């Protein structure tokens, strides 16, 4: 059940191709179907309108991504997927990074336990079951 959330400053909206980034992220996560069932993969983007970067004196921008996944996956898996996703992010924004001041960051968060609730019938569709 990986959730990928990307926050980005609105001053890069026209150059960021966020839809393209989310497609690339899904390709990485789907390539790890042994770890992440396709029906649990979700991504979303949040454009930030109120923010301040560094000393606030320039038109700096940032992109921060978070990959949330259910607990219990081995450290090497989390590291491998994290490395692959961050490489995709850096490649995706390489041209923009070369043209303007831009901070890129990503974190991998493991969650689960008593505070997590799930209800999802998308897995049934992917297994070829009849629609609800």
C-alpha atoms as a PDB file:
ATOM      1  CA  UNK A   1       0.000   0.000   0.000  1.00  0.00           C
ATOM      2  CA  UNK A   2       2.413   2.654  -1.050  1.00  0.00           C
ATOM      3  CA  UNK A   3       1.179   6.201  -1.156  1.00  0.00           C
ATOM      4  CA  UNK A   4       3.344   8.732  -2.978  1.00  0.00           C
ATOM      5  CA  UNK A   5       2.699  12.368  -2.126  1.00  0.00           C
ATOM      6  CA  UNK A   6       4.538  15.193  -3.842  1.00  0.00           C
ATOM      7  CA  UNK A   7       4.361  18.795  -2.702  1.00  0.00           C
ATOM      8  CA  UNK A   8       5.689  21.489  -5.007  1.00  0.00           C
ATOM      9  CA  UNK A   9       5.794  25.256  -5.062  1.00  0.00           C
ATOM     10  CA  UNK A  10       3.437  26.962  -7.490  1.00  0.00           C
ATOM     11  CA  UNK A  11       6.284  28.920  -9.087  1.00  0.00           C
ATOM     12  CA  UNK A  12       7.262  25.790 -11.053  1.00  0.00           C
ATOM     13  CA  UNK A  13       3.727  24.718 -12.055  1.00  0.00           C
ATOM     14  CA  UNK A  14       4.173  25.371 -15.781  1.00  0.00           C
ATOM     15  CA  UNK A  15       7.503  23.541 -16.028  1.00  0.00           C
ATOM     16  CA  UNK A  16       7.103  20.688 -13.554  1.00  0.00           C
ATOM     17  CA  UNK A  17       4.958  18.169 -15.519  1.00  0.00           C
ATOM     18  CA  UNK A  18       3.662  16.680 -12.301  1.00  0.00           C
ATOM     19  CA  UNK A  19       1.339  14.277 -14.146  1.00  0.00           C
ATOM     20  CA  UNK A  20       4.393  12.911 -15.951  1.00  0.00           C
ATOM     21  CA  UNK A  21       6.233  12.515 -12.653  1.00  0.00           C
ATOM     22  CA  UNK A  22       3.350  10.565 -11.108  1.00  0.00           C
ATOM     23  CA  UNK A  23       3.283   8.264 -14.144  1.00  0.00           C
ATOM     24  CA  UNK A  24       7.008   7.560 -13.724  1.00  0.00           C
ATOM     25  CA  UNK A  25       6.557   6.930 -10.009  1.00  0.00           C
ATOM     26  CA  UNK A  26       3.821   4.389 -10.727  1.00  0.00           C
ATOM     27  CA  UNK A  27       6.083   2.639 -13.220  1.00  0.00           C
ATOM     28  CA  UNK A  28       8.718   2.206 -10.497  1.00  0.00           C
ATOM     29  CA  UNK A  29       6.216   0.981  -7.922  1.00  0.00           C
ATOM     30  CA  UNK A  30       4.485  -1.380 -10.375  1.00  0.00           C
ATOM     31  CA  UNK A  31       7.887  -2.880 -11.202  1.00  0.00           C
ATOM     32  CA  UNK A  32       7.970  -3.993  -7.557  1.00  0.00           C
ATOM     33  CA  UNK A  33       4.641  -5.845  -7.644  1.00  0.00           C
ATOM     34  CA  UNK A  34       6.142  -8.568  -5.455  1.00  0.00           C
ATOM     35  CA  UNK A  35       6.350  -5.942  -2.687  1.00  0.00           C
ATOM     36  CA  UNK A  36       3.533  -3.517  -3.568  1.00  0.00           C
ATOM     37  CA  UNK A  37       0.220  -4.899  -4.838  1.00  0.00           C
ATOM     38  CA  UNK A  38      -0.940  -2.717  -7.749  1.00  0.00           C
ATOM     39  CA  UNK A  39      -4.360  -2.123  -6.174  1.00  0.00           C
ATOM     40  CA  UNK A  40      -2.792  -0.337  -3.232  1.00  0.00           C
ATOM     41  CA  UNK A  41      -0.618   2.117  -5.172  1.00  0.00           C
ATOM     42  CA  UNK A  42      -1.767   5.730  -4.951  1.00  0.00           C
ATOM     43  CA  UNK A  43      -0.143   9.005  -5.805  1.00  0.00           C
ATOM     44  CA  UNK A  44      -1.144  12.617  -5.413  1.00  0.00           C
ATOM     45  CA  UNK A  45       0.291  16.067  -5.807  1.00  0.00           C
ATOM     46  CA  UNK A  46      -0.228  19.147  -3.727  1.00  0.00           C
ATOM     47  CA  UNK A  47       0.575  22.511  -5.249  1.00  0.00           C
ATOM     48  CA  UNK A  48       1.696  24.934  -2.569  1.00  0.00           C
ATOM     49  CA  UNK A  49       0.557  28.535  -2.730  1.00  0.00           C
ATOM     50  CA  UNK A  50       1.807  29.723   0.629  1.00  0.00           C
ATOM     51  CA  UNK A  51       5.425  28.914   1.372  1.00  0.00           C
ATOM     52  CA  UNK A  52       8.771  30.505   2.075  1.00  0.00           C
ATOM     53  CA  UNK A  53      12.091  29.109   0.891  1.00  0.00           C
ATOM     54  CA  UNK A  54      15.479  29.881   2.432  1.00  0.00           C
ATOM     55  CA  UNK A  55      15.824  33.608   3.208  1.00  0.00           C
ATOM     56  CA  UNK A  56      12.772  34.466   1.127  1.00  0.00           C
ATOM     57  CA  UNK A  57      14.657  36.967  -1.028  1.00  0.00           C
ATOM     58  CA  UNK A  58      14.528  35.004  -4.301  1.00  0.00           C
ATOM     59  CA  UNK A  59      12.097  33.006  -6.398  1.00  0.00           C
ATOM     60  CA  UNK A  60      13.415  29.708  -5.016  1.00  0.00           C
ATOM     61  CA  UNK A  61      11.352  26.567  -5.474  1.00  0.00           C
ATOM     62  CA  UNK A  62      11.121  23.149  -3.910  1.00  0.00           C
ATOM     63  CA  UNK A  63       9.681  19.713  -4.458  1.00  0.00           C
ATOM     64  CA  UNK A  64       9.263  17.388  -1.508  1.00  0.00           C
ATOM     65  CA  UNK A  65       8.036  13.829  -1.922  1.00  0.00           C
ATOM     66  CA  UNK A  66       6.933  11.334   0.671  1.00  0.00           C
ATOM     67  CA  UNK A  67       6.573   7.616   0.082  1.00  0.00           C
ATOM     68  CA  UNK A  68       4.399   6.027   2.745  1.00  0.00           C
ATOM     69  CA  UNK A  69       4.300   2.260   2.942  1.00  0.00           C
ATOM     70  CA  UNK A  70       2.904  -0.302   5.295  1.00  0.00           C
ATOM     71  CA  UNK A  71       5.288  -1.705   7.855  1.00  0.00           C
ATOM     72  CA  UNK A  72       7.206  -4.935   7.674  1.00  0.00           C
ATOM     73  CA  UNK A  73       9.171  -4.598   4.464  1.00  0.00           C
ATOM     74  CA  UNK A  74      12.901  -5.348   4.662  1.00  0.00           C
ATOM     75  CA  UNK A  75      15.276  -2.374   4.919  1.00  0.00           C
ATOM     76  CA  UNK A  76      16.992  -3.297   1.654  1.00  0.00           C
ATOM     77  CA  UNK A  77      13.642  -3.135  -0.167  1.00  0.00           C
ATOM     78  CA  UNK A  78      12.801   0.268   1.309  1.00  0.00           C
ATOM     79  CA  UNK A  79      16.257   1.552   0.400  1.00  0.00           C
ATOM     80  CA  UNK A  80      16.152   0.143  -3.158  1.00  0.00           C
ATOM     81  CA  UNK A  81      12.707   1.591  -3.902  1.00  0.00           C
ATOM     82  CA  UNK A  82      13.651   4.895  -2.257  1.00  0.00           C
ATOM     83  CA  UNK A  83      16.843   5.114  -4.314  1.00  0.00           C
ATOM     84  CA  UNK A  84      14.950   4.348  -7.532  1.00  0.00           C
ATOM     85  CA  UNK A  85      12.230   6.903  -6.822  1.00  0.00           C
ATOM     86  CA  UNK A  86      14.665   9.660  -5.898  1.00  0.00           C
ATOM     87  CA  UNK A  87      16.659   8.960  -9.075  1.00  0.00           C
ATOM     88  CA  UNK A  88      13.399   9.353 -11.051  1.00  0.00           C
ATOM     89  CA  UNK A  89      12.675  12.648  -9.272  1.00  0.00           C
ATOM     90  CA  UNK A  90      16.165  14.026  -9.925  1.00  0.00           C
ATOM     91  CA  UNK A  91      16.027  12.975 -13.571  1.00  0.00           C
ATOM     92  CA  UNK A  92      12.515  14.369 -14.019  1.00  0.00           C
ATOM     93  CA  UNK A  93      13.539  17.786 -12.711  1.00  0.00           C
ATOM     94  CA  UNK A  94      17.088  17.849 -14.149  1.00  0.00           C
ATOM     95  CA  UNK A  95      16.388  20.514 -16.794  1.00  0.00           C
ATOM     96  CA  UNK A  96      14.489  22.712 -14.366  1.00  0.00           C
ATOM     97  CA  UNK A  97      17.214  22.226 -11.754  1.00  0.00           C
ATOM     98  CA  UNK A  98      19.794  23.428 -14.286  1.00  0.00           C
ATOM     99  CA  UNK A  99      17.779  26.618 -15.012  1.00  0.00           C
ATOM    100  CA  UNK A 100      16.681  27.809 -11.572  1.00  0.00           C
ATOM    101  CA  UNK A 101      17.215  27.408  -7.842  1.00  0.00           C
ATOM    102  CA  UNK A 102      15.367  24.280  -6.802  1.00  0.00           C
ATOM    103  CA  UNK A 103      15.508  22.046  -3.726  1.00  0.00           C
ATOM    104  CA  UNK A 104      14.525  18.395  -4.162  1.00  0.00           C
ATOM    105  CA  UNK A 105      13.877  16.092  -1.226  1.00  0.00           C
ATOM    106  CA  UNK A 106      12.142  12.819  -0.450  1.00  0.00           C
ATOM    107  CA  UNK A 107      11.426  10.764   2.630  1.00  0.00           C
ATOM    108  CA  UNK A 108      10.296   7.183   3.056  1.00  0.00           C
ATOM    109  CA  UNK A 109       7.855   6.633   5.904  1.00  0.00           C
ATOM    110  CA  UNK A 110       6.714   3.307   7.233  1.00  0.00           C
ATOM    111  CA  UNK A 111       3.333   3.208   8.913  1.00  0.00           C
ATOM    112  CA  UNK A 112       0.969   0.617  10.204  1.00  0.00           C
ATOM    113  CA  UNK A 113      -0.316  -0.874  13.369  1.00  0.00           C
ATOM    114  CA  UNK A 114      -3.347   0.132  15.346  1.00  0.00           C
ATOM    115  CA  UNK A 115      -3.698   3.596  13.813  1.00  0.00           C
ATOM    116  CA  UNK A 116      -4.068   2.430  10.215  1.00  0.00           C
ATOM    117  CA  UNK A 117      -7.429   1.659   8.622  1.00  0.00           C
ATOM    118  CA  UNK A 118      -7.954   0.230   5.113  1.00  0.00           C
ATOM    119  CA  UNK A 119     -10.950  -0.713   3.001  1.00  0.00           C
ATOM    120  CA  UNK A 120     -10.164  -1.362  -0.684  1.00  0.00           C
ATOM    121  CA  UNK A 121     -11.908  -3.434  -3.339  1.00  0.00           C
ATOM    122  CA  UNK A 122      -9.598  -2.403  -6.201  1.00  0.00           C
ATOM    123  CA  UNK A 123      -7.556  -5.571  -5.632  1.00  0.00           C
ATOM    124  CA  UNK A 124     -10.628  -7.564  -6.734  1.00  0.00           C
ATOM    125  CA  UNK A 125     -10.771  -5.683 -10.051  1.00  0.00           C
ATOM    126  CA  UNK A 126      -7.107  -6.375 -10.710  1.00  0.00           C
ATOM    127  CA  UNK A 127      -7.693 -10.077 -10.067  1.00  0.00           C
ATOM    128  CA  UNK A 128     -10.460 -10.032 -12.704  1.00  0.00           C
ATOM    129  CA  UNK A 129     -13.439 -10.207 -10.356  1.00  0.00           C
ATOM    130  CA  UNK A 130     -16.836  -8.850 -11.342  1.00  0.00           C
ATOM    131  CA  UNK A 131     -17.519  -5.186 -10.552  1.00  0.00           C
ATOM    132  CA  UNK A 132     -19.198  -4.426  -7.233  1.00  0.00           C
END
